Amino acid sequence: MSYLYLAIAIVAEVAGTAALKSSEGFTNLLPSIVVVVGYSIAFYFLSLVLKTIPVGVAYAIWSGAGIVLISVFGLAIFGQNLDLPAIVGMALIIIGIVIMNVFSTSIQH
């Protein structure tokens, strides 16, 4: 169940971050509401995750996956470009998350 909660936290954080760009400094009401609700959901579910997964591991997965997803979202929705170093860096983040989940004894499987 922890990984489901972590996935919800990641998706909510990415939605909030994507809306943050559209909120234009919190001057647009609807995107501003999405930011507040998205981050509230993200932190609530992250707090549930921390009951069973160590904070460092949970935060590494949460932030790493968020970085990759918001970058893909920025590419697809906002037309932002990713150069080769950015793609390589994100690939290393994904590899790090996989290594932690497969080999770390800190994570309960």
PDB file of N, CA and C in Angstrom:
ATOM      1  N   MET A   1       0.824  -1.198   0.000  1.00  0.00           N
ATOM      2  CA  MET A   1       0.000   0.000   0.000  1.00  0.00           C
ATOM      3  C   MET A   1       0.866   1.259   0.000  1.00  0.00           C
ATOM      4  N   SER A   2       2.050   1.165   0.597  1.00  0.00           N
ATOM      5  CA  SER A   2       2.930   2.334   0.667  1.00  0.00           C
ATOM      6  C   SER A   2       3.322   2.845  -0.716  1.00  0.00           C
ATOM      7  N   TYR A   3       3.566   1.913  -1.630  1.00  0.00           N
ATOM      8  CA  TYR A   3       3.964   2.346  -2.965  1.00  0.00           C
ATOM      9  C   TYR A   3       2.806   2.967  -3.735  1.00  0.00           C
ATOM     10  N   LEU A   4       1.594   2.534  -3.467  1.00  0.00           N
ATOM     11  CA  LEU A   4       0.421   3.182  -4.061  1.00  0.00           C
ATOM     12  C   LEU A   4       0.313   4.608  -3.537  1.00  0.00           C
ATOM     13  N   TYR A   5       0.475   4.771  -2.228  1.00  0.00           N
ATOM     14  CA  TYR A   5       0.440   6.110  -1.635  1.00  0.00           C
ATOM     15  C   TYR A   5       1.564   6.983  -2.177  1.00  0.00           C
ATOM     16  N   LEU A   6       2.730   6.383  -2.372  1.00  0.00           N
ATOM     17  CA  LEU A   6       3.847   7.134  -2.926  1.00  0.00           C
ATOM     18  C   LEU A   6       3.555   7.566  -4.359  1.00  0.00           C
ATOM     19  N   ALA A   7       2.947   6.697  -5.137  1.00  0.00           N
ATOM     20  CA  ALA A   7       2.577   7.053  -6.515  1.00  0.00           C
ATOM     21  C   ALA A   7       1.559   8.188  -6.531  1.00  0.00           C
ATOM     22  N   ILE A   8       0.593   8.140  -5.620  1.00  0.00           N
ATOM     23  CA  ILE A   8      -0.392   9.226  -5.529  1.00  0.00           C
ATOM     24  C   ILE A   8       0.301  10.532  -5.167  1.00  0.00           C
ATOM     25  N   ALA A   9       1.227  10.465  -4.216  1.00  0.00           N
ATOM     26  CA  ALA A   9       1.971  11.663  -3.807  1.00  0.00           C
ATOM     27  C   ALA A   9       2.773  12.241  -4.967  1.00  0.00           C
ATOM     28  N   ILE A  10       3.385  11.387  -5.747  1.00  0.00           N
ATOM     29  CA  ILE A  10       4.195  11.837  -6.887  1.00  0.00           C
ATOM     30  C   ILE A  10       3.308  12.488  -7.949  1.00  0.00           C
ATOM     31  N   VAL A  11       2.212  11.849  -8.298  1.00  0.00           N
ATOM     32  CA  VAL A  11       1.308  12.397  -9.313  1.00  0.00           C
ATOM     33  C   VAL A  11       0.721  13.726  -8.851  1.00  0.00           C
ATOM     34  N   ALA A  12       0.327  13.811  -7.587  1.00  0.00           N
ATOM     35  CA  ALA A  12      -0.235  15.060  -7.064  1.00  0.00           C
ATOM     36  C   ALA A  12       0.805  16.178  -7.064  1.00  0.00           C
ATOM     37  N   GLU A  13       2.035  15.846  -6.722  1.00  0.00           N
ATOM     38  CA  GLU A  13       3.109  16.852  -6.721  1.00  0.00           C
ATOM     39  C   GLU A  13       3.404  17.334  -8.139  1.00  0.00           C
ATOM     40  N   VAL A  14       3.410  16.436  -9.096  1.00  0.00           N
ATOM     41  CA  VAL A  14       3.655  16.811 -10.490  1.00  0.00           C
ATOM     42  C   VAL A  14       2.509  17.680 -11.006  1.00  0.00           C
ATOM     43  N   ALA A  15       1.274  17.341 -10.653  1.00  0.00           N
ATOM     44  CA  ALA A  15       0.124  18.161 -11.061  1.00  0.00           C
ATOM     45  C   ALA A  15       0.238  19.565 -10.457  1.00  0.00           C
ATOM     46  N   GLY A  16       0.600  19.633  -9.184  1.00  0.00           N
ATOM     47  CA  GLY A  16       0.770  20.930  -8.534  1.00  0.00           C
ATOM     48  C   GLY A  16       1.883  21.754  -9.154  1.00  0.00           C
ATOM     49  N   THR A  17       2.990  21.103  -9.460  1.00  0.00           N
ATOM     50  CA  THR A  17       4.121  21.809 -10.072  1.00  0.00           C
ATOM     51  C   THR A  17       3.782  22.286 -11.482  1.00  0.00           C
ATOM     52  N   ALA A  18       3.099  21.459 -12.248  1.00  0.00           N
ATOM     53  CA  ALA A  18       2.695  21.860 -13.601  1.00  0.00           C
ATOM     54  C   ALA A  18       1.743  23.051 -13.535  1.00  0.00           C
ATOM     55  N   ALA A  19       0.826  23.012 -12.584  1.00  0.00           N
ATOM     56  CA  ALA A  19      -0.119  24.123 -12.436  1.00  0.00           C
ATOM     57  C   ALA A  19       0.566  25.386 -11.929  1.00  0.00           C
ATOM     58  N   LEU A  20       1.668  25.218 -11.216  1.00  0.00           N
ATOM     59  CA  LEU A  20       2.403  26.377 -10.696  1.00  0.00           C
ATOM     60  C   LEU A  20       2.854  27.287 -11.828  1.00  0.00           C
ATOM     61  N   LYS A  21       3.303  26.690 -12.931  1.00  0.00           N
ATOM     62  CA  LYS A  21       3.696  27.502 -14.084  1.00  0.00           C
ATOM     63  C   LYS A  21       2.497  28.266 -14.640  1.00  0.00           C
ATOM     64  N   SER A  22       1.361  27.592 -14.730  1.00  0.00           N
ATOM     65  CA  SER A  22       0.155  28.223 -15.284  1.00  0.00           C
ATOM     66  C   SER A  22      -0.491  29.232 -14.339  1.00  0.00           C
ATOM     67  N   SER A  23      -0.140  29.161 -13.054  1.00  0.00           N
ATOM     68  CA  SER A  23      -0.753  30.079 -12.085  1.00  0.00           C
ATOM     69  C   SER A  23      -0.243  31.510 -12.233  1.00  0.00           C
ATOM     70  N   GLU A  24       0.874  31.659 -12.944  1.00  0.00           N
ATOM     71  CA  GLU A  24       1.471  32.976 -13.189  1.00  0.00           C
ATOM     72  C   GLU A  24       1.586  33.785 -11.900  1.00  0.00           C
ATOM     73  N   GLY A  25       2.321  33.185 -10.948  1.00  0.00           N
ATOM     74  CA  GLY A  25       2.546  33.877  -9.684  1.00  0.00           C
ATOM     75  C   GLY A  25       1.290  33.963  -8.829  1.00  0.00           C
ATOM     76  N   PHE A  26       0.443  32.972  -8.928  1.00  0.00           N
ATOM     77  CA  PHE A  26      -0.831  32.893  -8.196  1.00  0.00           C
ATOM     78  C   PHE A  26      -1.797  34.009  -8.578  1.00  0.00           C
ATOM     79  N   THR A  27      -1.714  34.463  -9.819  1.00  0.00           N
ATOM     80  CA  THR A  27      -2.667  35.467 -10.304  1.00  0.00           C
ATOM     81  C   THR A  27      -3.837  34.837 -11.058  1.00  0.00           C
ATOM     82  N   ASN A  28      -3.696  33.588 -11.506  1.00  0.00           N
ATOM     83  CA  ASN A  28      -4.789  32.847 -12.141  1.00  0.00           C
ATOM     84  C   ASN A  28      -5.395  31.910 -11.108  1.00  0.00           C
ATOM     85  N   LEU A  29      -6.683  32.056 -10.852  1.00  0.00           N
ATOM     86  CA  LEU A  29      -7.333  31.354  -9.757  1.00  0.00           C
ATOM     87  C   LEU A  29      -7.319  29.836  -9.893  1.00  0.00           C
ATOM     88  N   LEU A  30      -7.799  29.299 -11.015  1.00  0.00           N
ATOM     89  CA  LEU A  30      -7.922  27.843 -11.147  1.00  0.00           C
ATOM     90  C   LEU A  30      -6.581  27.124 -11.025  1.00  0.00           C
ATOM     91  N   PRO A  31      -5.541  27.538 -11.764  1.00  0.00           N
ATOM     92  CA  PRO A  31      -4.259  26.859 -11.574  1.00  0.00           C
ATOM     93  C   PRO A  31      -3.715  27.021 -10.153  1.00  0.00           C
ATOM     94  N   SER A  32      -4.005  28.153  -9.516  1.00  0.00           N
ATOM     95  CA  SER A  32      -3.547  28.366  -8.141  1.00  0.00           C
ATOM     96  C   SER A  32      -4.209  27.382  -7.192  1.00  0.00           C
ATOM     97  N   ILE A  33      -5.491  27.111  -7.420  1.00  0.00           N
ATOM     98  CA  ILE A  33      -6.204  26.121  -6.599  1.00  0.00           C
ATOM     99  C   ILE A  33      -5.606  24.732  -6.821  1.00  0.00           C
ATOM    100  N   VAL A  34      -5.294  24.401  -8.075  1.00  0.00           N
ATOM    101  CA  VAL A  34      -4.685  23.102  -8.387  1.00  0.00           C
ATOM    102  C   VAL A  34      -3.339  22.967  -7.670  1.00  0.00           C
ATOM    103  N   VAL A  35      -2.567  24.042  -7.602  1.00  0.00           N
ATOM    104  CA  VAL A  35      -1.280  24.016  -6.898  1.00  0.00           C
ATOM    105  C   VAL A  35      -1.491  23.662  -5.435  1.00  0.00           C
ATOM    106  N   VAL A  36      -2.373  24.384  -4.762  1.00  0.00           N
ATOM    107  CA  VAL A  36      -2.599  24.176  -3.332  1.00  0.00           C
ATOM    108  C   VAL A  36      -3.151  22.778  -3.059  1.00  0.00           C
ATOM    109  N   VAL A  37      -4.136  22.368  -3.845  1.00  0.00           N
ATOM    110  CA  VAL A  37      -4.728  21.040  -3.648  1.00  0.00           C
ATOM    111  C   VAL A  37      -3.710  19.948  -3.983  1.00  0.00           C
ATOM    112  N   GLY A  38      -2.984  20.116  -5.086  1.00  0.00           N
ATOM    113  CA  GLY A  38      -1.985  19.120  -5.487  1.00  0.00           C
ATOM    114  C   GLY A  38      -0.913  18.920  -4.438  1.00  0.00           C
ATOM    115  N   TYR A  39      -0.361  20.012  -3.940  1.00  0.00           N
ATOM    116  CA  TYR A  39       0.676  19.891  -2.913  1.00  0.00           C
ATOM    117  C   TYR A  39       0.109  19.369  -1.596  1.00  0.00           C
ATOM    118  N   SER A  40      -1.111  19.735  -1.262  1.00  0.00           N
ATOM    119  CA  SER A  40      -1.735  19.216  -0.031  1.00  0.00           C
ATOM    120  C   SER A  40      -1.903  17.699  -0.109  1.00  0.00           C
ATOM    121  N   ILE A  41      -2.398  17.224  -1.235  1.00  0.00           N
ATOM    122  CA  ILE A  41      -2.548  15.781  -1.433  1.00  0.00           C
ATOM    123  C   ILE A  41      -1.187  15.104  -1.405  1.00  0.00           C
ATOM    124  N   ALA A  42      -0.214  15.700  -2.081  1.00  0.00           N
ATOM    125  CA  ALA A  42       1.123  15.112  -2.152  1.00  0.00           C
ATOM    126  C   ALA A  42       1.731  14.950  -0.758  1.00  0.00           C
ATOM    127  N   PHE A  43       1.669  16.001   0.045  1.00  0.00           N
ATOM    128  CA  PHE A  43       2.276  15.920   1.372  1.00  0.00           C
ATOM    129  C   PHE A  43       1.492  15.002   2.304  1.00  0.00           C
ATOM    130  N   TYR A  44       0.182  14.955   2.159  1.00  0.00           N
ATOM    131  CA  TYR A  44      -0.610  14.038   2.985  1.00  0.00           C
ATOM    132  C   TYR A  44      -0.207  12.594   2.690  1.00  0.00           C
ATOM    133  N   PHE A  45      -0.187  12.226   1.408  1.00  0.00           N
ATOM    134  CA  PHE A  45       0.145  10.846   1.073  1.00  0.00           C
ATOM    135  C   PHE A  45       1.614  10.531   1.351  1.00  0.00           C
ATOM    136  N   LEU A  46       2.489  11.504   1.182  1.00  0.00           N
ATOM    137  CA  LEU A  46       3.883  11.284   1.543  1.00  0.00           C
ATOM    138  C   LEU A  46       4.007  11.024   3.044  1.00  0.00           C
ATOM    139  N   SER A  47       3.213  11.713   3.850  1.00  0.00           N
ATOM    140  CA  SER A  47       3.254  11.478   5.300  1.00  0.00           C
ATOM    141  C   SER A  47       2.802  10.056   5.644  1.00  0.00           C
ATOM    142  N   LEU A  48       1.849   9.511   4.881  1.00  0.00           N
ATOM    143  CA  LEU A  48       1.426   8.127   5.099  1.00  0.00           C
ATOM    144  C   LEU A  48       2.531   7.148   4.720  1.00  0.00           C
ATOM    145  N   VAL A  49       3.241   7.459   3.641  1.00  0.00           N
ATOM    146  CA  VAL A  49       4.338   6.609   3.176  1.00  0.00           C
ATOM    147  C   VAL A  49       5.431   6.517   4.237  1.00  0.00           C
ATOM    148  N   LEU A  50       5.672   7.624   4.930  1.00  0.00           N
ATOM    149  CA  LEU A  50       6.773   7.674   5.897  1.00  0.00           C
ATOM    150  C   LEU A  50       6.527   6.797   7.120  1.00  0.00           C
ATOM    151  N   LYS A  51       5.352   6.233   7.248  1.00  0.00           N
ATOM    152  CA  LYS A  51       5.085   5.289   8.331  1.00  0.00           C
ATOM    153  C   LYS A  51       5.794   3.959   8.095  1.00  0.00           C
ATOM    154  N   THR A  52       6.069   3.638   6.819  1.00  0.00           N
ATOM    155  CA  THR A  52       6.650   2.329   6.510  1.00  0.00           C
ATOM    156  C   THR A  52       7.953   2.382   5.716  1.00  0.00           C
ATOM    157  N   ILE A  53       8.217   3.483   5.032  1.00  0.00           N
ATOM    158  CA  ILE A  53       9.443   3.606   4.237  1.00  0.00           C
ATOM    159  C   ILE A  53      10.295   4.708   4.866  1.00  0.00           C
ATOM    160  N   PRO A  54      11.600   4.469   5.051  1.00  0.00           N
ATOM    161  CA  PRO A  54      12.462   5.500   5.638  1.00  0.00           C
ATOM    162  C   PRO A  54      12.393   6.809   4.858  1.00  0.00           C
ATOM    163  N   VAL A  55      12.472   7.920   5.575  1.00  0.00           N
ATOM    164  CA  VAL A  55      12.276   9.242   4.972  1.00  0.00           C
ATOM    165  C   VAL A  55      13.249   9.512   3.820  1.00  0.00           C
ATOM    166  N   GLY A  56      14.495   9.147   3.975  1.00  0.00           N
ATOM    167  CA  GLY A  56      15.482   9.399   2.919  1.00  0.00           C
ATOM    168  C   GLY A  56      15.172   8.647   1.643  1.00  0.00           C
ATOM    169  N   VAL A  57      14.761   7.411   1.787  1.00  0.00           N
ATOM    170  CA  VAL A  57      14.430   6.582   0.626  1.00  0.00           C
ATOM    171  C   VAL A  57      13.147   7.083  -0.028  1.00  0.00           C
ATOM    172  N   ALA A  58      12.125   7.341   0.785  1.00  0.00           N
ATOM    173  CA  ALA A  58      10.851   7.821   0.241  1.00  0.00           C
ATOM    174  C   ALA A  58      11.032   9.147  -0.478  1.00  0.00           C
ATOM    175  N   TYR A  59      11.787  10.055   0.121  1.00  0.00           N
ATOM    176  CA  TYR A  59      11.978  11.360  -0.493  1.00  0.00           C
ATOM    177  C   TYR A  59      12.807  11.245  -1.768  1.00  0.00           C
ATOM    178  N   ALA A  60      13.783  10.366  -1.783  1.00  0.00           N
ATOM    179  CA  ALA A  60      14.591  10.173  -2.995  1.00  0.00           C
ATOM    180  C   ALA A  60      13.716   9.681  -4.148  1.00  0.00           C
ATOM    181  N   ILE A  61      12.853   8.726  -3.868  1.00  0.00           N
ATOM    182  CA  ILE A  61      11.962   8.215  -4.911  1.00  0.00           C
ATOM    183  C   ILE A  61      10.971   9.288  -5.333  1.00  0.00           C
ATOM    184  N   TRP A  62      10.375   9.965  -4.361  1.00  0.00           N
ATOM    185  CA  TRP A  62       9.372  11.002  -4.620  1.00  0.00           C
ATOM    186  C   TRP A  62       9.964  12.132  -5.464  1.00  0.00           C
ATOM    187  N   SER A  63      11.091  12.644  -5.032  1.00  0.00           N
ATOM    188  CA  SER A  63      11.667  13.777  -5.759  1.00  0.00           C
ATOM    189  C   SER A  63      12.260  13.350  -7.099  1.00  0.00           C
ATOM    190  N   GLY A  64      12.917  12.195  -7.140  1.00  0.00           N
ATOM    191  CA  GLY A  64      13.500  11.727  -8.397  1.00  0.00           C
ATOM    192  C   GLY A  64      12.451  11.454  -9.456  1.00  0.00           C
ATOM    193  N   ALA A  65      11.416  10.749  -9.071  1.00  0.00           N
ATOM    194  CA  ALA A  65      10.336  10.468 -10.026  1.00  0.00           C
ATOM    195  C   ALA A  65       9.633  11.764 -10.426  1.00  0.00           C
ATOM    196  N   GLY A  66       9.473  12.673  -9.470  1.00  0.00           N
ATOM    197  CA  GLY A  66       8.856  13.968  -9.778  1.00  0.00           C
ATOM    198  C   GLY A  66       9.660  14.764 -10.784  1.00  0.00           C
ATOM    199  N   ILE A  67      10.986  14.762 -10.625  1.00  0.00           N
ATOM    200  CA  ILE A  67      11.862  15.474 -11.565  1.00  0.00           C
ATOM    201  C   ILE A  67      11.670  14.945 -12.977  1.00  0.00           C
ATOM    202  N   VAL A  68      11.691  13.635 -13.108  1.00  0.00           N
ATOM    203  CA  VAL A  68      11.562  13.023 -14.432  1.00  0.00           C
ATOM    204  C   VAL A  68      10.176  13.297 -15.015  1.00  0.00           C
ATOM    205  N   LEU A  69       9.134  13.098 -14.223  1.00  0.00           N
ATOM    206  CA  LEU A  69       7.768  13.286 -14.739  1.00  0.00           C
ATOM    207  C   LEU A  69       7.473  14.740 -15.102  1.00  0.00           C
ATOM    208  N   ILE A  70       7.905  15.685 -14.276  1.00  0.00           N
ATOM    209  CA  ILE A  70       7.625  17.089 -14.606  1.00  0.00           C
ATOM    210  C   ILE A  70       8.448  17.525 -15.820  1.00  0.00           C
ATOM    211  N   SER A  71       9.620  16.941 -16.011  1.00  0.00           N
ATOM    212  CA  SER A  71      10.409  17.256 -17.203  1.00  0.00           C
ATOM    213  C   SER A  71       9.734  16.731 -18.466  1.00  0.00           C
ATOM    214  N   VAL A  72       9.199  15.528 -18.400  1.00  0.00           N
ATOM    215  CA  VAL A  72       8.463  14.964 -19.532  1.00  0.00           C
ATOM    216  C   VAL A  72       7.196  15.785 -19.783  1.00  0.00           C
ATOM    217  N   PHE A  73       6.505  16.163 -18.709  1.00  0.00           N
ATOM    218  CA  PHE A  73       5.305  16.986 -18.820  1.00  0.00           C
ATOM    219  C   PHE A  73       5.654  18.328 -19.463  1.00  0.00           C
ATOM    220  N   GLY A  74       6.738  18.939 -19.027  1.00  0.00           N
ATOM    221  CA  GLY A  74       7.172  20.213 -19.607  1.00  0.00           C
ATOM    222  C   GLY A  74       7.485  20.087 -21.085  1.00  0.00           C
ATOM    223  N   LEU A  75       8.066  18.976 -21.463  1.00  0.00           N
ATOM    224  CA  LEU A  75       8.366  18.708 -22.870  1.00  0.00           C
ATOM    225  C   LEU A  75       7.077  18.548 -23.670  1.00  0.00           C
ATOM    226  N   ALA A  76       6.152  17.753 -23.152  1.00  0.00           N
ATOM    227  CA  ALA A  76       4.933  17.437 -23.899  1.00  0.00           C
ATOM    228  C   ALA A  76       3.930  18.587 -23.917  1.00  0.00           C
ATOM    229  N   ILE A  77       3.749  19.269 -22.804  1.00  0.00           N
ATOM    230  CA  ILE A  77       2.704  20.278 -22.690  1.00  0.00           C
ATOM    231  C   ILE A  77       3.209  21.689 -22.975  1.00  0.00           C
ATOM    232  N   PHE A  78       4.363  22.026 -22.400  1.00  0.00           N
ATOM    233  CA  PHE A  78       4.868  23.395 -22.528  1.00  0.00           C
ATOM    234  C   PHE A  78       5.892  23.559 -23.643  1.00  0.00           C
ATOM    235  N   GLY A  79       6.225  22.460 -24.340  1.00  0.00           N
ATOM    236  CA  GLY A  79       7.167  22.534 -25.450  1.00  0.00           C
ATOM    237  C   GLY A  79       8.593  22.843 -25.038  1.00  0.00           C
ATOM    238  N   GLN A  80       8.934  22.553 -23.796  1.00  0.00           N
ATOM    239  CA  GLN A  80      10.294  22.801 -23.318  1.00  0.00           C
ATOM    240  C   GLN A  80      11.213  21.696 -23.817  1.00  0.00           C
ATOM    241  N   ASN A  81      12.407  22.068 -24.213  1.00  0.00           N
ATOM    242  CA  ASN A  81      13.347  21.105 -24.777  1.00  0.00           C
ATOM    243  C   ASN A  81      14.238  20.506 -23.706  1.00  0.00           C
ATOM    244  N   LEU A  82      14.601  19.247 -23.899  1.00  0.00           N
ATOM    245  CA  LEU A  82      15.566  18.560 -23.055  1.00  0.00           C
ATOM    246  C   LEU A  82      16.784  18.243 -23.905  1.00  0.00           C
ATOM    247  N   ASP A  83      17.939  18.702 -23.463  1.00  0.00           N
ATOM    248  CA  ASP A  83      19.162  18.376 -24.207  1.00  0.00           C
ATOM    249  C   ASP A  83      19.738  17.056 -23.697  1.00  0.00           C
ATOM    250  N   LEU A  84      20.785  16.592 -24.341  1.00  0.00           N
ATOM    251  CA  LEU A  84      21.356  15.287 -24.010  1.00  0.00           C
ATOM    252  C   LEU A  84      21.809  15.203 -22.552  1.00  0.00           C
ATOM    253  N   PRO A  85      22.509  16.213 -22.003  1.00  0.00           N
ATOM    254  CA  PRO A  85      22.882  16.108 -20.588  1.00  0.00           C
ATOM    255  C   PRO A  85      21.670  15.983 -19.654  1.00  0.00           C
ATOM    256  N   ALA A  86      20.572  16.666 -19.969  1.00  0.00           N
ATOM    257  CA  ALA A  86      19.373  16.557 -19.143  1.00  0.00           C
ATOM    258  C   ALA A  86      18.785  15.151 -19.219  1.00  0.00           C
ATOM    259  N   ILE A  87      18.756  14.584 -20.405  1.00  0.00           N
ATOM    260  CA  ILE A  87      18.218  13.233 -20.584  1.00  0.00           C
ATOM    261  C   ILE A  87      19.103  12.205 -19.874  1.00  0.00           C
ATOM    262  N   VAL A  88      20.416  12.351 -20.005  1.00  0.00           N
ATOM    263  CA  VAL A  88      21.342  11.443 -19.322  1.00  0.00           C
ATOM    264  C   VAL A  88      21.176  11.562 -17.809  1.00  0.00           C
ATOM    265  N   GLY A  89      21.062  12.791 -17.312  1.00  0.00           N
ATOM    266  CA  GLY A  89      20.878  12.998 -15.882  1.00  0.00           C
ATOM    267  C   GLY A  89      19.612  12.340 -15.374  1.00  0.00           C
ATOM    268  N   MET A  90      18.527  12.480 -16.119  1.00  0.00           N
ATOM    269  CA  MET A  90      17.268  11.853 -15.711  1.00  0.00           C
ATOM    270  C   MET A  90      17.354  10.325 -15.789  1.00  0.00           C
ATOM    271  N   ALA A  91      18.078   9.814 -16.769  1.00  0.00           N
ATOM    272  CA  ALA A  91      18.281   8.365 -16.854  1.00  0.00           C
ATOM    273  C   ALA A  91      19.038   7.875 -15.620  1.00  0.00           C
ATOM    274  N   LEU A  92      20.016   8.646 -15.170  1.00  0.00           N
ATOM    275  CA  LEU A  92      20.754   8.272 -13.963  1.00  0.00           C
ATOM    276  C   LEU A  92      19.860   8.312 -12.725  1.00  0.00           C
ATOM    277  N   ILE A  93      18.943   9.264 -12.676  1.00  0.00           N
ATOM    278  CA  ILE A  93      17.985   9.320 -11.564  1.00  0.00           C
ATOM    279  C   ILE A  93      17.122   8.055 -11.553  1.00  0.00           C
ATOM    280  N   ILE A  94      16.617   7.674 -12.719  1.00  0.00           N
ATOM    281  CA  ILE A  94      15.793   6.472 -12.823  1.00  0.00           C
ATOM    282  C   ILE A  94      16.593   5.241 -12.418  1.00  0.00           C
ATOM    283  N   ILE A  95      17.830   5.158 -12.883  1.00  0.00           N
ATOM    284  CA  ILE A  95      18.689   4.031 -12.517  1.00  0.00           C
ATOM    285  C   ILE A  95      18.909   4.006 -11.007  1.00  0.00           C
ATOM    286  N   GLY A  96      19.107   5.164 -10.403  1.00  0.00           N
ATOM    287  CA  GLY A  96      19.288   5.239  -8.954  1.00  0.00           C
ATOM    288  C   GLY A  96      18.061   4.760  -8.200  1.00  0.00           C
ATOM    289  N   ILE A  97      16.884   5.136  -8.666  1.00  0.00           N
ATOM    290  CA  ILE A  97      15.649   4.693  -8.024  1.00  0.00           C
ATOM    291  C   ILE A  97      15.501   3.179  -8.138  1.00  0.00           C
ATOM    292  N   VAL A  98      15.813   2.629  -9.298  1.00  0.00           N
ATOM    293  CA  VAL A  98      15.728   1.177  -9.486  1.00  0.00           C
ATOM    294  C   VAL A  98      16.726   0.475  -8.574  1.00  0.00           C
ATOM    295  N   ILE A  99      17.950   0.973  -8.498  1.00  0.00           N
ATOM    296  CA  ILE A  99      18.971   0.354  -7.635  1.00  0.00           C
ATOM    297  C   ILE A  99      18.505   0.360  -6.182  1.00  0.00           C
ATOM    298  N   MET A 100      17.965   1.491  -5.725  1.00  0.00           N
ATOM    299  CA  MET A 100      17.481   1.553  -4.340  1.00  0.00           C
ATOM    300  C   MET A 100      16.377   0.530  -4.101  1.00  0.00           C
ATOM    301  N   ASN A 101      15.440   0.425  -5.023  1.00  0.00           N
ATOM    302  CA  ASN A 101      14.306  -0.473  -4.832  1.00  0.00           C
ATOM    303  C   ASN A 101      14.680  -1.939  -4.956  1.00  0.00           C
ATOM    304  N   VAL A 102      15.667  -2.250  -5.767  1.00  0.00           N
ATOM    305  CA  VAL A 102      16.040  -3.651  -5.968  1.00  0.00           C
ATOM    306  C   VAL A 102      17.059  -4.118  -4.943  1.00  0.00           C
ATOM    307  N   PHE A 103      18.035  -3.274  -4.605  1.00  0.00           N
ATOM    308  CA  PHE A 103      19.160  -3.741  -3.800  1.00  0.00           C
ATOM    309  C   PHE A 103      19.211  -3.216  -2.358  1.00  0.00           C
ATOM    310  N   SER A 104      18.503  -2.163  -2.053  1.00  0.00           N
ATOM    311  CA  SER A 104      18.607  -1.580  -0.718  1.00  0.00           C
ATOM    312  C   SER A 104      17.891  -2.437   0.321  1.00  0.00           C
ATOM    313  N   THR A 105      18.543  -2.617   1.445  1.00  0.00           N
ATOM    314  CA  THR A 105      17.900  -3.335   2.552  1.00  0.00           C
ATOM    315  C   THR A 105      17.104  -2.360   3.429  1.00  0.00           C
ATOM    316  N   SER A 106      17.167  -1.058   3.109  1.00  0.00           N
ATOM    317  CA  SER A 106      16.403  -0.063   3.846  1.00  0.00           C
ATOM    318  C   SER A 106      14.929  -0.079   3.478  1.00  0.00           C
ATOM    319  N   ILE A 107      14.638  -0.636   2.320  1.00  0.00           N
ATOM    320  CA  ILE A 107      13.269  -0.640   1.815  1.00  0.00           C
ATOM    321  C   ILE A 107      12.636  -2.000   2.102  1.00  0.00           C
ATOM    322  N   GLN A 108      11.426  -1.948   2.631  1.00  0.00           N
ATOM    323  CA  GLN A 108      10.687  -3.180   2.900  1.00  0.00           C
ATOM    324  C   GLN A 108      10.003  -3.629   1.622  1.00  0.00           C
ATOM    325  N   HIS A 109      10.304  -4.835   1.176  1.00  0.00           N
ATOM    326  CA  HIS A 109       9.726  -5.349  -0.082  1.00  0.00           C
ATOM    327  C   HIS A 109       8.565  -6.242   0.189  1.00  0.00           C
TER     328      HIS A 109
END
